[in-house]
């Protein structure tokens, strides 16, 4: 179900429209919030946004993978991956919007 991509500029514009800050300050505010989220994750903290969800980092150990073309075994190095878990409020809101959209069709 392809759709429009929500960008930083869109978020800044929404802050401008709703809060009334100048556009450049709205963009700075969005950048500051995103930077705080990233900084927390870099420190290994869980970032929880109430009614939205939680971002966290999961450690994945080394494992053996396989090249699908050749079948050759390849070691996959340990790494950290970003995980997101949506809040129940967000899940409900998204599902309700989908139900309303389908009912309108």
Protein backbone atom coordinates (compact mmCIF):
# COMPACT_ATOMS: atom_id res chain seq x y z
CA UNK A 1 0.00 0.00 0.00
CA UNK A 2 2.36 2.74 -1.24
CA UNK A 3 1.80 6.28 -0.10
CA UNK A 4 3.48 9.59 0.50
CA UNK A 5 6.59 9.61 2.66
CA UNK A 6 6.47 11.86 5.71
CA UNK A 7 9.71 13.86 5.84
CA UNK A 8 11.48 16.09 8.36
CA UNK A 9 10.30 19.05 6.34
CA UNK A 10 6.70 17.81 6.70
CA UNK A 11 7.15 17.51 10.47
CA UNK A 12 8.63 21.02 10.65
CA UNK A 13 5.73 22.36 8.58
CA UNK A 14 3.25 20.70 10.94
CA UNK A 15 4.96 22.33 13.94
CA UNK A 16 4.83 25.66 12.09
CA UNK A 17 1.11 25.25 11.34
CA UNK A 18 0.03 23.97 14.79
CA UNK A 19 2.36 25.84 17.16
CA UNK A 20 3.02 28.98 15.18
CA UNK A 21 6.80 29.00 15.56
CA UNK A 22 8.70 30.48 12.62
CA UNK A 23 9.58 27.90 9.97
CA UNK A 24 13.30 27.91 10.74
CA UNK A 25 12.66 27.45 14.49
CA UNK A 26 10.15 24.67 13.74
CA UNK A 27 12.79 22.86 11.67
CA UNK A 28 15.36 23.33 14.48
CA UNK A 29 12.89 21.94 17.02
CA UNK A 30 12.27 18.83 14.92
CA UNK A 31 16.04 18.35 14.49
CA UNK A 32 16.64 18.73 18.24
CA UNK A 33 14.00 16.10 19.08
CA UNK A 34 15.39 13.65 16.52
CA UNK A 35 18.94 14.28 17.74
CA UNK A 36 17.89 13.50 21.33
CA UNK A 37 16.30 10.23 20.21
CA UNK A 38 19.47 9.26 18.33
CA UNK A 39 21.74 10.26 21.23
CA UNK A 40 19.73 8.16 23.67
CA UNK A 41 19.88 5.15 21.36
CA UNK A 42 23.64 5.59 20.87
CA UNK A 43 24.02 5.39 24.66
CA UNK A 44 22.07 2.13 24.65
CA UNK A 45 18.97 3.64 26.27
CA UNK A 46 15.42 2.74 25.37
CA UNK A 47 13.54 5.76 24.01
CA UNK A 48 9.87 5.64 24.95
CA UNK A 49 7.42 8.13 23.46
CA UNK A 50 4.12 7.84 25.29
CA UNK A 51 1.17 6.88 23.03
CA UNK A 52 3.63 6.35 20.15
CA UNK A 53 6.05 3.55 20.92
CA UNK A 54 9.51 2.54 22.06
CA UNK A 55 12.80 2.52 20.20
CA UNK A 56 15.60 0.31 21.40
CA UNK A 57 18.83 -1.35 20.38
CA UNK A 58 19.25 -5.11 20.20
CA UNK A 59 22.61 -6.81 20.11
CA UNK A 60 22.90 -9.55 17.48
CA UNK A 61 25.70 -12.02 17.83
CA UNK A 62 27.92 -13.42 15.12
CA UNK A 63 26.36 -16.12 13.02
CA UNK A 64 26.89 -18.01 9.79
CA UNK A 65 24.85 -16.90 6.79
CA UNK A 66 24.63 -18.29 3.30
CA UNK A 67 25.03 -16.52 -0.04
CA UNK A 68 21.73 -17.31 -1.81
CA UNK A 69 23.35 -17.35 -5.26
CA UNK A 70 26.32 -19.58 -4.54
CA UNK A 71 25.31 -21.35 -1.34
CA UNK A 72 28.67 -20.33 0.14
CA UNK A 73 28.71 -19.92 3.92
CA UNK A 74 29.64 -16.40 5.03
CA UNK A 75 30.22 -15.18 8.59
CA UNK A 76 27.88 -12.34 9.62
CA UNK A 77 29.57 -10.06 12.14
CA UNK A 78 27.98 -9.06 15.44
CA UNK A 79 26.04 -5.81 15.26
CA UNK A 80 23.47 -3.61 16.92
CA UNK A 81 20.06 -3.24 15.28
CA UNK A 82 17.33 -0.71 15.86
CA UNK A 83 13.99 -2.08 17.00
CA UNK A 84 10.67 -0.26 17.30
CA UNK A 85 7.61 -1.43 19.17
CA UNK A 86 4.45 0.56 18.55
CA UNK A 87 2.25 1.38 21.53
CA UNK A 88 -1.17 -0.22 21.80
CA UNK A 89 -2.72 3.24 21.41
CA UNK A 90 -0.92 3.73 18.09
CA UNK A 91 -1.84 0.24 16.86
CA UNK A 92 -5.50 0.85 17.68
CA UNK A 93 -5.50 4.25 16.00
CA UNK A 94 -3.90 2.89 12.82
CA UNK A 95 -6.26 -0.09 12.66
CA UNK A 96 -9.30 2.15 13.26
CA UNK A 97 -8.18 4.45 10.43
CA UNK A 98 -7.77 1.45 8.12
CA UNK A 99 -11.22 0.14 9.04
CA UNK A 100 -12.80 3.55 8.33
CA UNK A 101 -10.96 3.79 5.00
CA UNK A 102 -12.19 0.36 3.89
CA UNK A 103 -15.74 1.16 4.99
CA UNK A 104 -15.69 4.32 2.85
CA UNK A 105 -14.66 2.38 -0.27
